[in-house]
Amino acid sequence: MGATLVDLRFGDSAQVVALSGQDALCCRLTSLGFLPGIQIKLISKLPFGGPVTVDILGGRVALSREDAQTIQVVAVHSTTQPA
């Protein structure tokens, strides 16, 4: 299995590759714009299992980490410097 939304770092941009999980969750995510080919940017990832926030289609969406782990992505650009 490839990288998921949770694997991205602050400022990383990625392209949605696929969704996994139950049908109801996939339906909800697609209604929010998480479709294969759509580009997203990680805005924040709160500590201690908090939500993940991304820029998508001109808006911001916050997801639980559990939901974010079902979104498979491929990184397209990183704005962070290597440690």
Protein backbone atom coordinates (compact mmCIF):
# COMPACT_ATOMS: atom_id res chain seq x y z
CA MET A 1 0.00 0.00 0.00
CA GLY A 2 1.28 3.48 -0.86
CA ALA A 3 1.38 6.69 1.12
CA THR A 4 -1.74 8.10 2.71
CA LEU A 5 -2.77 11.62 3.60
CA VAL A 6 -1.49 11.07 7.16
CA ASP A 7 2.03 10.41 5.82
CA LEU A 8 2.37 13.92 4.36
CA ARG A 9 4.24 16.67 6.18
CA PHE A 10 3.19 20.28 6.68
CA GLY A 11 3.16 22.11 3.37
CA ASP A 12 3.35 18.99 1.20
CA SER A 13 1.23 18.85 -1.92
CA ALA A 14 -0.05 15.55 -3.25
CA GLN A 15 -2.42 14.04 -5.75
CA VAL A 16 -5.23 11.75 -4.64
CA VAL A 17 -4.69 8.26 -6.08
CA ALA A 18 -7.45 6.17 -4.51
CA LEU A 19 -9.83 5.84 -1.58
CA SER A 20 -10.14 2.77 0.59
CA GLY A 21 -12.59 1.99 3.35
CA GLN A 22 -16.29 1.40 3.64
CA ASP A 23 -18.69 2.63 0.96
CA ALA A 24 -20.30 5.26 3.20
CA LEU A 25 -16.91 6.82 4.00
CA CYS A 26 -15.80 6.76 0.36
CA CYS A 27 -19.08 8.42 -0.64
CA ARG A 28 -18.57 11.15 1.98
CA LEU A 29 -14.97 11.75 0.91
CA THR A 30 -15.88 11.98 -2.78
CA SER A 31 -18.63 14.47 -1.95
CA LEU A 32 -15.94 16.59 -0.24
CA GLY A 33 -13.86 16.50 -3.45
CA PHE A 34 -11.41 13.68 -2.73
CA LEU A 35 -11.35 12.15 -6.20
CA PRO A 36 -8.46 10.47 -8.01
CA GLY A 37 -6.33 13.11 -9.75
CA ILE A 38 -7.32 15.99 -7.47
CA GLN A 39 -4.41 17.92 -5.96
CA ILE A 40 -4.40 18.68 -2.23
CA LYS A 41 -2.05 20.49 0.17
CA LEU A 42 -1.55 19.59 3.82
CA ILE A 43 -2.25 22.64 5.99
CA SER A 44 -2.05 21.15 9.47
CA LYS A 45 -1.77 17.88 11.32
CA LEU A 46 -2.53 18.33 15.00
CA PRO A 47 -0.63 16.24 17.57
CA PHE A 48 -1.96 13.41 19.70
CA GLY A 49 -4.15 11.96 16.96
CA GLY A 50 -5.88 15.26 16.17
CA PRO A 51 -7.43 16.12 12.82
CA VAL A 52 -5.66 16.66 9.51
CA THR A 53 -6.55 19.79 7.52
CA VAL A 54 -6.01 20.11 3.77
CA ASP A 55 -6.61 22.65 1.03
CA ILE A 56 -8.75 21.04 -1.66
CA LEU A 57 -10.60 22.62 -4.59
CA GLY A 58 -10.23 26.13 -3.15
CA GLY A 59 -11.50 25.24 0.33
CA ARG A 60 -10.27 23.67 3.53
CA VAL A 61 -11.40 20.33 4.91
CA ALA A 62 -10.54 18.83 8.30
CA LEU A 63 -10.64 15.05 8.63
CA SER A 64 -10.04 12.65 11.47
CA ARG A 65 -6.76 10.76 11.12
CA GLU A 66 -8.74 7.56 10.76
CA ASP A 67 -10.54 8.96 7.70
CA ALA A 68 -7.34 10.55 6.34
CA GLN A 69 -5.61 7.15 6.42
CA THR A 70 -8.07 5.87 3.81
CA ILE A 71 -6.94 8.47 1.24
CA GLN A 72 -4.01 7.17 -0.82
CA VAL A 73 -1.82 9.89 -2.31
CA VAL A 74 1.35 10.46 -4.26
CA ALA A 75 3.45 13.51 -3.34
CA VAL A 76 3.90 16.06 -6.11
CA HIS A 77 5.79 18.85 -4.34
CA SER A 78 7.22 19.53 -0.90
CA THR A 79 7.63 23.03 0.53
CA THR A 80 9.45 21.82 3.63
CA GLN A 81 13.21 21.64 4.01
CA PRO A 82 14.86 18.32 4.81
CA ALA A 83 15.83 17.95 8.46
